[in-house]
Full PDB file with SEQRES, HELIX, SHEET, SSBOND, CRYST1, ORIGX, SCALE, CONECT and MASTER records, all heavy atoms in Angstrom:
SEQRES   1 A   37  PRO ARG SER MET ALA VAL ALA TRP THR GLY GLY LYS ASP          
SEQRES   2 A   37  SER THR LEU LEU LEU TRP LEU VAL ARG THR TYR SER LEU          
SEQRES   3 A   37  LYS HIS SER ILE ALA ILE PRO LYS ILE ILE PHE                  
HELIX    1 AA1 LYS A   12  LYS A   27  1                                  16    
SHEET    1 AA1 2 ALA A   5  ALA A   7  0                                        
SHEET    2 AA1 2 LYS A  34  ILE A  36  1                                        
CRYST1    1.000    1.000    1.000  90.00  90.00  90.00 P 1           1          
ORIGX1      1.000000  0.000000  0.000000        0.00000                         
ORIGX2      0.000000  1.000000  0.000000        0.00000                         
ORIGX3      0.000000  0.000000  1.000000        0.00000                         
SCALE1      1.000000  0.000000  0.000000        0.00000                         
SCALE2      0.000000  1.000000  0.000000        0.00000                         
SCALE3      0.000000  0.000000  1.000000        0.00000                         
ATOM      1  N   PRO A   1      -0.614 -10.057  -5.635  1.00  0.00           N  
ATOM      2  CA  PRO A   1      -1.147  -8.747  -5.236  1.00  0.00           C  
ATOM      3  C   PRO A   1      -2.642  -8.751  -4.954  1.00  0.00           C  
ATOM      4  O   PRO A   1      -3.121  -8.071  -4.043  1.00  0.00           O  
ATOM      5  CB  PRO A   1      -0.804  -7.859  -6.441  1.00  0.00           C  
ATOM      6  CG  PRO A   1       0.432  -8.480  -7.006  1.00  0.00           C  
ATOM      7  CD  PRO A   1       0.224  -9.968  -6.848  1.00  0.00           C  
ATOM      8  N   ARG A   2      -3.395  -9.535  -5.721  1.00  0.00           N  
ATOM      9  CA  ARG A   2      -4.851  -9.563  -5.533  1.00  0.00           C  
ATOM     10  C   ARG A   2      -5.257 -10.224  -4.216  1.00  0.00           C  
ATOM     11  O   ARG A   2      -6.407 -10.087  -3.772  1.00  0.00           O  
ATOM     12  CB  ARG A   2      -5.521 -10.288  -6.703  1.00  0.00           C  
ATOM     13  CG  ARG A   2      -5.174 -11.767  -6.806  1.00  0.00           C  
ATOM     14  CD  ARG A   2      -5.872 -12.429  -7.981  1.00  0.00           C  
ATOM     15  NE  ARG A   2      -5.516 -13.840  -8.109  1.00  0.00           N  
ATOM     16  CZ  ARG A   2      -4.434 -14.290  -8.715  1.00  0.00           C  
ATOM     17  NH1 ARG A   2      -3.592 -13.420  -9.276  1.00  0.00           N  
ATOM     18  NH2 ARG A   2      -4.180 -15.581  -8.790  1.00  0.00           N  
ATOM     19  N   SER A   3      -4.315 -10.956  -3.601  1.00  0.00           N  
ATOM     20  CA  SER A   3      -4.628 -11.616  -2.331  1.00  0.00           C  
ATOM     21  C   SER A   3      -4.028 -10.874  -1.144  1.00  0.00           C  
ATOM     22  O   SER A   3      -4.046 -11.380  -0.023  1.00  0.00           O  
ATOM     23  CB  SER A   3      -4.109 -13.064  -2.339  1.00  0.00           C  
ATOM     24  OG  SER A   3      -2.691 -13.100  -2.271  1.00  0.00           O  
ATOM     25  N   MET A   4      -3.513  -9.654  -1.381  1.00  0.00           N  
ATOM     26  CA  MET A   4      -2.923  -8.854  -0.317  1.00  0.00           C  
ATOM     27  C   MET A   4      -3.743  -7.584  -0.095  1.00  0.00           C  
ATOM     28  O   MET A   4      -4.441  -7.124  -0.994  1.00  0.00           O  
ATOM     29  CB  MET A   4      -1.481  -8.480  -0.658  1.00  0.00           C  
ATOM     30  CG  MET A   4      -0.554  -9.673  -0.801  1.00  0.00           C  
ATOM     31  SD  MET A   4       1.210  -9.202  -0.899  1.00  0.00           S  
ATOM     32  CE  MET A   4       1.244  -8.363  -2.490  1.00  0.00           C  
ATOM     33  N   ALA A   5      -3.614  -7.028   1.105  1.00  0.00           N  
ATOM     34  CA  ALA A   5      -4.305  -5.778   1.417  1.00  0.00           C  
ATOM     35  C   ALA A   5      -3.439  -4.932   2.340  1.00  0.00           C  
ATOM     36  O   ALA A   5      -2.649  -5.465   3.125  1.00  0.00           O  
ATOM     37  CB  ALA A   5      -5.652  -6.059   2.084  1.00  0.00           C  
ATOM     38  N   VAL A   6      -3.589  -3.625   2.221  1.00  0.00           N  
ATOM     39  CA  VAL A   6      -2.868  -2.679   3.078  1.00  0.00           C  
ATOM     40  C   VAL A   6      -3.872  -2.045   4.038  1.00  0.00           C  
ATOM     41  O   VAL A   6      -4.864  -1.470   3.606  1.00  0.00           O  
ATOM     42  CB  VAL A   6      -2.201  -1.559   2.235  1.00  0.00           C  
ATOM     43  CG1 VAL A   6      -1.430  -0.610   3.149  1.00  0.00           C  
ATOM     44  CG2 VAL A   6      -1.287  -2.154   1.180  1.00  0.00           C  
ATOM     45  N   ALA A   7      -3.611  -2.173   5.343  1.00  0.00           N  
ATOM     46  CA  ALA A   7      -4.484  -1.561   6.336  1.00  0.00           C  
ATOM     47  C   ALA A   7      -4.046  -0.119   6.564  1.00  0.00           C  
ATOM     48  O   ALA A   7      -2.945   0.139   7.040  1.00  0.00           O  
ATOM     49  CB  ALA A   7      -4.429  -2.351   7.639  1.00  0.00           C  
ATOM     50  N   TRP A   8      -4.916   0.815   6.226  1.00  0.00           N  
ATOM     51  CA  TRP A   8      -4.601   2.244   6.321  1.00  0.00           C  
ATOM     52  C   TRP A   8      -5.576   2.926   7.264  1.00  0.00           C  
ATOM     53  O   TRP A   8      -6.788   2.848   7.084  1.00  0.00           O  
ATOM     54  CB  TRP A   8      -4.673   2.881   4.940  1.00  0.00           C  
ATOM     55  CG  TRP A   8      -4.275   4.324   4.892  1.00  0.00           C  
ATOM     56  CD1 TRP A   8      -3.316   4.948   5.630  1.00  0.00           C  
ATOM     57  CD2 TRP A   8      -4.824   5.336   4.031  1.00  0.00           C  
ATOM     58  NE1 TRP A   8      -3.227   6.277   5.288  1.00  0.00           N  
ATOM     59  CE2 TRP A   8      -4.146   6.538   4.299  1.00  0.00           C  
ATOM     60  CE3 TRP A   8      -5.813   5.320   3.053  1.00  0.00           C  
ATOM     61  CZ2 TRP A   8      -4.433   7.721   3.640  1.00  0.00           C  
ATOM     62  CZ3 TRP A   8      -6.102   6.502   2.388  1.00  0.00           C  
ATOM     63  CH2 TRP A   8      -5.404   7.691   2.680  1.00  0.00           C  
ATOM     64  N   THR A   9      -5.050   3.580   8.299  1.00  0.00           N  
ATOM     65  CA  THR A   9      -5.895   4.276   9.275  1.00  0.00           C  
ATOM     66  C   THR A   9      -5.931   5.779   9.051  1.00  0.00           C  
ATOM     67  O   THR A   9      -6.749   6.472   9.640  1.00  0.00           O  
ATOM     68  CB  THR A   9      -5.383   4.039  10.703  1.00  0.00           C  
ATOM     69  OG1 THR A   9      -4.098   4.679  10.858  1.00  0.00           O  
ATOM     70  CG2 THR A   9      -5.247   2.551  11.002  1.00  0.00           C  
ATOM     71  N   GLY A  10      -4.998   6.284   8.231  1.00  0.00           N  
ATOM     72  CA  GLY A  10      -4.868   7.728   8.064  1.00  0.00           C  
ATOM     73  C   GLY A  10      -3.818   8.305   9.002  1.00  0.00           C  
ATOM     74  O   GLY A  10      -3.451   9.476   8.879  1.00  0.00           O  
ATOM     75  N   GLY A  11      -3.321   7.487   9.946  1.00  0.00           N  
ATOM     76  CA  GLY A  11      -2.268   7.932  10.853  1.00  0.00           C  
ATOM     77  C   GLY A  11      -0.909   7.928  10.179  1.00  0.00           C  
ATOM     78  O   GLY A  11      -0.745   7.404   9.072  1.00  0.00           O  
ATOM     79  N   LYS A  12       0.088   8.491  10.846  1.00  0.00           N  
ATOM     80  CA  LYS A  12       1.409   8.656  10.231  1.00  0.00           C  
ATOM     81  C   LYS A  12       2.073   7.323   9.890  1.00  0.00           C  
ATOM     82  O   LYS A  12       2.703   7.185   8.832  1.00  0.00           O  
ATOM     83  CB  LYS A  12       2.331   9.458  11.150  1.00  0.00           C  
ATOM     84  CG  LYS A  12       2.730   8.749  12.439  1.00  0.00           C  
ATOM     85  CD  LYS A  12       3.585   9.621  13.327  1.00  0.00           C  
ATOM     86  CE  LYS A  12       4.169   8.840  14.497  1.00  0.00           C  
ATOM     87  NZ  LYS A  12       3.193   8.034  15.247  1.00  0.00           N  
ATOM     88  N   ASP A  13       1.967   6.317  10.782  1.00  0.00           N  
ATOM     89  CA  ASP A  13       2.622   5.035  10.548  1.00  0.00           C  
ATOM     90  C   ASP A  13       2.032   4.310   9.347  1.00  0.00           C  
ATOM     91  O   ASP A  13       2.763   3.835   8.469  1.00  0.00           O  
ATOM     92  CB  ASP A  13       2.521   4.146  11.795  1.00  0.00           C  
ATOM     93  CG  ASP A  13       3.266   4.716  12.986  1.00  0.00           C  
ATOM     94  OD1 ASP A  13       4.102   5.616  12.790  1.00  0.00           O  
ATOM     95  OD2 ASP A  13       3.010   4.272  14.119  1.00  0.00           O  
ATOM     96  N   SER A  14       0.712   4.214   9.315  1.00  0.00           N  
ATOM     97  CA  SER A  14       0.090   3.488   8.207  1.00  0.00           C  
ATOM     98  C   SER A  14       0.184   4.270   6.900  1.00  0.00           C  
ATOM     99  O   SER A  14       0.164   3.681   5.818  1.00  0.00           O  
ATOM    100  CB  SER A  14      -1.374   3.155   8.528  1.00  0.00           C  
ATOM    101  OG  SER A  14      -2.151   4.318   8.633  1.00  0.00           O  
ATOM    102  N   THR A  15       0.299   5.605   6.980  1.00  0.00           N  
ATOM    103  CA  THR A  15       0.484   6.396   5.759  1.00  0.00           C  
ATOM    104  C   THR A  15       1.894   6.187   5.210  1.00  0.00           C  
ATOM    105  O   THR A  15       2.094   6.103   3.990  1.00  0.00           O  
ATOM    106  CB  THR A  15       0.224   7.888   6.020  1.00  0.00           C  
ATOM    107  OG1 THR A  15      -1.130   8.058   6.474  1.00  0.00           O  
ATOM    108  CG2 THR A  15       0.411   8.711   4.754  1.00  0.00           C  
ATOM    109  N   LEU A  16       2.875   6.081   6.099  1.00  0.00           N  
ATOM    110  CA  LEU A  16       4.228   5.733   5.663  1.00  0.00           C  
ATOM    111  C   LEU A  16       4.220   4.353   5.010  1.00  0.00           C  
ATOM    112  O   LEU A  16       4.829   4.144   3.951  1.00  0.00           O  
ATOM    113  CB  LEU A  16       5.198   5.748   6.846  1.00  0.00           C  
ATOM    114  CG  LEU A  16       6.597   5.172   6.585  1.00  0.00           C  
ATOM    115  CD1 LEU A  16       7.305   5.937   5.469  1.00  0.00           C  
ATOM    116  CD2 LEU A  16       7.422   5.183   7.869  1.00  0.00           C  
ATOM    117  N   LEU A  17       3.532   3.408   5.629  1.00  0.00           N  
ATOM    118  CA  LEU A  17       3.405   2.069   5.062  1.00  0.00           C  
ATOM    119  C   LEU A  17       2.786   2.128   3.675  1.00  0.00           C  
ATOM    120  O   LEU A  17       3.292   1.499   2.726  1.00  0.00           O  
ATOM    121  CB  LEU A  17       2.540   1.204   5.978  1.00  0.00           C  
ATOM    122  CG  LEU A  17       2.064  -0.126   5.400  1.00  0.00           C  
ATOM    123  CD1 LEU A  17       3.235  -1.084   5.224  1.00  0.00           C  
ATOM    124  CD2 LEU A  17       0.982  -0.741   6.286  1.00  0.00           C  
ATOM    125  N   LEU A  18       1.695   2.868   3.541  1.00  0.00           N  
ATOM    126  CA  LEU A  18       1.011   2.994   2.258  1.00  0.00           C  
ATOM    127  C   LEU A  18       1.941   3.603   1.217  1.00  0.00           C  
ATOM    128  O   LEU A  18       1.988   3.162   0.059  1.00  0.00           O  
ATOM    129  CB  LEU A  18      -0.242   3.854   2.420  1.00  0.00           C  
ATOM    130  CG  LEU A  18      -1.071   4.126   1.167  1.00  0.00           C  
ATOM    131  CD1 LEU A  18      -1.544   2.831   0.532  1.00  0.00           C  
ATOM    132  CD2 LEU A  18      -2.269   5.014   1.517  1.00  0.00           C  
ATOM    133  N   TRP A  19       2.703   4.638   1.611  1.00  0.00           N  
ATOM    134  CA  TRP A  19       3.672   5.268   0.707  1.00  0.00           C  
ATOM    135  C   TRP A  19       4.712   4.261   0.242  1.00  0.00           C  
ATOM    136  O   TRP A  19       5.070   4.210  -0.946  1.00  0.00           O  
ATOM    137  CB  TRP A  19       4.341   6.442   1.414  1.00  0.00           C  
ATOM    138  CG  TRP A  19       5.418   7.128   0.627  1.00  0.00           C  
ATOM    139  CD1 TRP A  19       5.256   8.072  -0.350  1.00  0.00           C  
ATOM    140  CD2 TRP A  19       6.833   6.918   0.752  1.00  0.00           C  
ATOM    141  NE1 TRP A  19       6.482   8.469  -0.842  1.00  0.00           N  
ATOM    142  CE2 TRP A  19       7.472   7.768  -0.184  1.00  0.00           C  
ATOM    143  CE3 TRP A  19       7.618   6.099   1.562  1.00  0.00           C  
ATOM    144  CZ2 TRP A  19       8.856   7.823  -0.332  1.00  0.00           C  
ATOM    145  CZ3 TRP A  19       9.002   6.137   1.418  1.00  0.00           C  
ATOM    146  CH2 TRP A  19       9.603   6.994   0.480  1.00  0.00           C  
ATOM    147  N   LEU A  20       5.193   3.419   1.158  1.00  0.00           N  
ATOM    148  CA  LEU A  20       6.184   2.395   0.817  1.00  0.00           C  
ATOM    149  C   LEU A  20       5.620   1.394  -0.195  1.00  0.00           C  
ATOM    150  O   LEU A  20       6.265   1.086  -1.202  1.00  0.00           O  
ATOM    151  CB  LEU A  20       6.610   1.647   2.091  1.00  0.00           C  
ATOM    152  CG  LEU A  20       7.607   2.340   3.013  1.00  0.00           C  
ATOM    153  CD1 LEU A  20       7.623   1.660   4.378  1.00  0.00           C  
ATOM    154  CD2 LEU A  20       8.995   2.314   2.393  1.00  0.00           C  
ATOM    155  N   VAL A  21       4.433   0.896   0.089  1.00  0.00           N  
ATOM    156  CA  VAL A  21       3.818  -0.098  -0.796  1.00  0.00           C  
ATOM    157  C   VAL A  21       3.543   0.504  -2.166  1.00  0.00           C  
ATOM    158  O   VAL A  21       3.823  -0.111  -3.206  1.00  0.00           O  
ATOM    159  CB  VAL A  21       2.503  -0.638  -0.176  1.00  0.00           C  
ATOM    160  CG1 VAL A  21       1.773  -1.541  -1.168  1.00  0.00           C  
ATOM    161  CG2 VAL A  21       2.788  -1.394   1.112  1.00  0.00           C  
ATOM    162  N   ARG A  22       3.012   1.716  -2.181  1.00  0.00           N  
ATOM    163  CA  ARG A  22       2.702   2.383  -3.449  1.00  0.00           C  
ATOM    164  C   ARG A  22       3.983   2.658  -4.240  1.00  0.00           C  
ATOM    165  O   ARG A  22       4.047   2.398  -5.459  1.00  0.00           O  
ATOM    166  CB  ARG A  22       1.961   3.698  -3.190  1.00  0.00           C  
ATOM    167  CG  ARG A  22       1.593   4.491  -4.436  1.00  0.00           C  
ATOM    168  CD  ARG A  22       0.743   5.700  -4.055  1.00  0.00           C  
ATOM    169  NE  ARG A  22       0.374   6.474  -5.217  1.00  0.00           N  
ATOM    170  CZ  ARG A  22       1.096   7.495  -5.696  1.00  0.00           C  
ATOM    171  NH1 ARG A  22       2.220   7.862  -5.079  1.00  0.00           N  
ATOM    172  NH2 ARG A  22       0.697   8.155  -6.766  1.00  0.00           N  
ATOM    173  N   THR A  23       5.021   3.160  -3.571  1.00  0.00           N  
ATOM    174  CA  THR A  23       6.293   3.447  -4.232  1.00  0.00           C  
ATOM    175  C   THR A  23       6.902   2.181  -4.816  1.00  0.00           C  
ATOM    176  O   THR A  23       7.360   2.163  -5.972  1.00  0.00           O  
ATOM    177  CB  THR A  23       7.287   4.084  -3.238  1.00  0.00           C  
ATOM    178  OG1 THR A  23       6.733   5.300  -2.739  1.00  0.00           O  
ATOM    179  CG2 THR A  23       8.617   4.375  -3.912  1.00  0.00           C  
ATOM    180  N   TYR A  24       6.904   1.114  -4.027  1.00  0.00           N  
ATOM    181  CA  TYR A  24       7.472  -0.159  -4.479  1.00  0.00           C  
ATOM    182  C   TYR A  24       6.673  -0.708  -5.671  1.00  0.00           C  
ATOM    183  O   TYR A  24       7.253  -1.154  -6.671  1.00  0.00           O  
ATOM    184  CB  TYR A  24       7.473  -1.161  -3.335  1.00  0.00           C  
ATOM    185  CG  TYR A  24       8.074  -2.501  -3.697  1.00  0.00           C  
ATOM    186  CD1 TYR A  24       9.438  -2.741  -3.525  1.00  0.00           C  
ATOM    187  CD2 TYR A  24       7.293  -3.527  -4.222  1.00  0.00           C  
ATOM    188  CE1 TYR A  24      10.003  -3.960  -3.869  1.00  0.00           C  
ATOM    189  CE2 TYR A  24       7.847  -4.752  -4.569  1.00  0.00           C  
ATOM    190  CZ  TYR A  24       9.192  -4.962  -4.378  1.00  0.00           C  
ATOM    191  OH  TYR A  24       9.749  -6.179  -4.743  1.00  0.00           O  
ATOM    192  N   SER A  25       5.362  -0.672  -5.567  1.00  0.00           N  
ATOM    193  CA  SER A  25       4.511  -1.211  -6.628  1.00  0.00           C  
ATOM    194  C   SER A  25       4.695  -0.457  -7.937  1.00  0.00           C  
ATOM    195  O   SER A  25       4.813  -1.064  -9.014  1.00  0.00           O  
ATOM    196  CB  SER A  25       3.044  -1.168  -6.195  1.00  0.00           C  
ATOM    197  OG  SER A  25       2.828  -1.939  -5.041  1.00  0.00           O  
ATOM    198  N   LEU A  26       4.733   0.882  -7.861  1.00  0.00           N  
ATOM    199  CA  LEU A  26       4.905   1.684  -9.073  1.00  0.00           C  
ATOM    200  C   LEU A  26       6.285   1.472  -9.690  1.00  0.00           C  
ATOM    201  O   LEU A  26       6.421   1.379 -10.919  1.00  0.00           O  
ATOM    202  CB  LEU A  26       4.692   3.165  -8.746  1.00  0.00           C  
ATOM    203  CG  LEU A  26       3.267   3.568  -8.338  1.00  0.00           C  
ATOM    204  CD1 LEU A  26       3.220   5.031  -7.924  1.00  0.00           C  
ATOM    205  CD2 LEU A  26       2.286   3.295  -9.478  1.00  0.00           C  
ATOM    206  N   LYS A  27       7.301   1.380  -8.846  1.00  0.00           N  
ATOM    207  CA  LYS A  27       8.670   1.188  -9.344  1.00  0.00           C  
ATOM    208  C   LYS A  27       8.806  -0.122 -10.091  1.00  0.00           C  
ATOM    209  O   LYS A  27       9.514  -0.207 -11.116  1.00  0.00           O  
ATOM    210  CB  LYS A  27       9.651   1.229  -8.177  1.00  0.00           C  
ATOM    211  CG  LYS A  27      11.105   1.014  -8.595  1.00  0.00           C  
ATOM    212  CD  LYS A  27      12.044   1.063  -7.408  1.00  0.00           C  
ATOM    213  CE  LYS A  27      13.493   0.830  -7.844  1.00  0.00           C  
ATOM    214  NZ  LYS A  27      14.426   0.872  -6.682  1.00  0.00           N  
ATOM    215  N   HIS A  28       8.145  -1.162  -9.616  1.00  0.00           N  
ATOM    216  CA  HIS A  28       8.274  -2.490 -10.210  1.00  0.00           C  
ATOM    217  C   HIS A  28       7.099  -2.848 -11.121  1.00  0.00           C  
ATOM    218  O   HIS A  28       6.973  -3.997 -11.550  1.00  0.00           O  
ATOM    219  CB  HIS A  28       8.426  -3.541  -9.109  1.00  0.00           C  
ATOM    220  CG  HIS A  28       9.682  -3.391  -8.300  1.00  0.00           C  
ATOM    221  ND1 HIS A  28      10.901  -3.881  -8.719  1.00  0.00           N  
ATOM    222  CD2 HIS A  28       9.917  -2.779  -7.115  1.00  0.00           C  
ATOM    223  CE1 HIS A  28      11.830  -3.602  -7.815  1.00  0.00           C  
ATOM    224  NE2 HIS A  28      11.263  -2.926  -6.836  1.00  0.00           N  
ATOM    225  N   SER A  29       6.262  -1.863 -11.406  1.00  0.00           N  
ATOM    226  CA  SER A  29       5.107  -2.064 -12.296  1.00  0.00           C  
ATOM    227  C   SER A  29       4.245  -3.236 -11.840  1.00  0.00           C  
ATOM    228  O   SER A  29       3.846  -4.102 -12.629  1.00  0.00           O  
ATOM    229  CB  SER A  29       5.583  -2.287 -13.735  1.00  0.00           C  
ATOM    230  OG  SER A  29       6.313  -1.179 -14.211  1.00  0.00           O  
ATOM    231  N   ILE A  30       3.975  -3.264 -10.527  1.00  0.00           N  
ATOM    232  CA  ILE A  30       3.147  -4.307  -9.929  1.00  0.00           C  
ATOM    233  C   ILE A  30       1.855  -3.665  -9.441  1.00  0.00           C  
ATOM    234  O   ILE A  30       1.851  -2.512  -9.000  1.00  0.00           O  
ATOM    235  CB  ILE A  30       3.868  -4.968  -8.738  1.00  0.00           C  
ATOM    236  CG1 ILE A  30       5.235  -5.507  -9.163  1.00  0.00           C  
ATOM    237  CG2 ILE A  30       3.028  -6.095  -8.152  1.00  0.00           C  
ATOM    238  CD1 ILE A  30       6.072  -6.004  -8.000  1.00  0.00           C  
ATOM    239  N   ALA A  31       0.788  -4.408  -9.529  1.00  0.00           N  
ATOM    240  CA  ALA A  31      -0.498  -3.887  -9.056  1.00  0.00           C  
ATOM    241  C   ALA A  31      -0.435  -3.572  -7.569  1.00  0.00           C  
ATOM    242  O   ALA A  31       0.124  -4.343  -6.787  1.00  0.00           O  
ATOM    243  CB  ALA A  31      -1.601  -4.908  -9.323  1.00  0.00           C  
ATOM    244  N   ILE A  32      -0.972  -2.430  -7.188  1.00  0.00           N  
ATOM    245  CA  ILE A  32      -1.038  -2.063  -5.775  1.00  0.00           C  
ATOM    246  C   ILE A  32      -2.100  -2.937  -5.103  1.00  0.00           C  
ATOM    247  O   ILE A  32      -3.206  -3.083  -5.620  1.00  0.00           O  
ATOM    248  CB  ILE A  32      -1.407  -0.580  -5.611  1.00  0.00           C  
ATOM    249  CG1 ILE A  32      -0.327   0.302  -6.242  1.00  0.00           C  
ATOM    250  CG2 ILE A  32      -1.578  -0.222  -4.129  1.00  0.00           C  
ATOM    251  CD1 ILE A  32      -0.665   1.779  -6.239  1.00  0.00           C  
ATOM    252  N   PRO A  33      -1.769  -3.561  -3.977  1.00  0.00           N  
ATOM    253  CA  PRO A  33      -2.760  -4.400  -3.280  1.00  0.00           C  
ATOM    254  C   PRO A  33      -3.992  -3.588  -2.878  1.00  0.00           C  
ATOM    255  O   PRO A  33      -3.983  -2.355  -2.922  1.00  0.00           O  
ATOM    256  CB  PRO A  33      -1.994  -4.882  -2.033  1.00  0.00           C  
ATOM    257  CG  PRO A  33      -0.550  -4.759  -2.401  1.00  0.00           C  
ATOM    258  CD  PRO A  33      -0.474  -3.551  -3.293  1.00  0.00           C  
ATOM    259  N   LYS A  34      -5.031  -4.281  -2.481  1.00  0.00           N  
ATOM    260  CA  LYS A  34      -6.229  -3.605  -1.993  1.00  0.00           C  
ATOM    261  C   LYS A  34      -5.861  -2.729  -0.796  1.00  0.00           C  
ATOM    262  O   LYS A  34      -5.033  -3.096   0.016  1.00  0.00           O  
ATOM    263  CB  LYS A  34      -7.283  -4.628  -1.570  1.00  0.00           C  
ATOM    264  CG  LYS A  34      -7.870  -5.451  -2.712  1.00  0.00           C  
ATOM    265  CD  LYS A  34      -8.895  -6.437  -2.162  1.00  0.00           C  
ATOM    266  CE  LYS A  34      -9.500  -7.287  -3.276  1.00  0.00           C  
ATOM    267  NZ  LYS A  34     -10.308  -6.484  -4.210  1.00  0.00           N  
ATOM    268  N   ILE A  35      -6.472  -1.567  -0.708  1.00  0.00           N  
ATOM    269  CA  ILE A  35      -6.232  -0.664   0.415  1.00  0.00           C  
ATOM    270  C   ILE A  35      -7.524  -0.588   1.215  1.00  0.00           C  
ATOM    271  O   ILE A  35      -8.582  -0.269   0.675  1.00  0.00           O  
ATOM    272  CB  ILE A  35      -5.829   0.734  -0.075  1.00  0.00           C  
ATOM    273  CG1 ILE A  35      -4.580   0.641  -0.953  1.00  0.00           C  
ATOM    274  CG2 ILE A  35      -5.572   1.665   1.110  1.00  0.00           C  
ATOM    275  CD1 ILE A  35      -4.273   1.903  -1.716  1.00  0.00           C  
ATOM    276  N   ILE A  36      -7.424  -0.927   2.496  1.00  0.00           N  
ATOM    277  CA  ILE A  36      -8.634  -0.966   3.310  1.00  0.00           C  
ATOM    278  C   ILE A  36      -8.562   0.070   4.429  1.00  0.00           C  
ATOM    279  O   ILE A  36      -7.549   0.222   5.097  1.00  0.00           O  
ATOM    280  CB  ILE A  36      -8.886  -2.371   3.899  1.00  0.00           C  
ATOM    281  CG1 ILE A  36      -7.643  -2.900   4.618  1.00  0.00           C  
ATOM    282  CG2 ILE A  36      -9.293  -3.330   2.807  1.00  0.00           C  
ATOM    283  CD1 ILE A  36      -7.838  -4.284   5.221  1.00  0.00           C  
ATOM    284  N   PHE A  37      -9.646   0.791   4.585  1.00  0.00           N  
ATOM    285  CA  PHE A  37      -9.775   1.796   5.632  1.00  0.00           C  
ATOM    286  C   PHE A  37     -10.889   1.342   6.563  1.00  0.00           C  
ATOM    287  O   PHE A  37     -12.050   1.269   6.159  1.00  0.00           O  
ATOM    288  CB  PHE A  37     -10.101   3.162   5.039  1.00  0.00           C  
ATOM    289  CG  PHE A  37     -10.290   4.247   6.066  1.00  0.00           C  
ATOM    290  CD1 PHE A  37      -9.206   4.822   6.704  1.00  0.00           C  
ATOM    291  CD2 PHE A  37     -11.566   4.681   6.402  1.00  0.00           C  
ATOM    292  CE1 PHE A  37      -9.375   5.818   7.658  1.00  0.00           C  
ATOM    293  CE2 PHE A  37     -11.753   5.676   7.354  1.00  0.00           C  
ATOM    294  CZ  PHE A  37     -10.650   6.241   7.987  1.00  0.00           C  
TER     295      PHE A  37                                                      
MASTER        0    0    0    1    2    0    0    6  294    1    0    3          
END                                                                             
C-alpha cells in the first residue's frame, strides 16, 4: 500500500475509483494508498 497511489481529479470517474479503493481498503483493514490530486 505504501508504494501505491490513487490519482484523483475530483471528476466522477476518479471519484468512483477513489470510492472503490477506500471501500476495499476499509473492508479488508488495509491502509489506503496515497491519494494524489
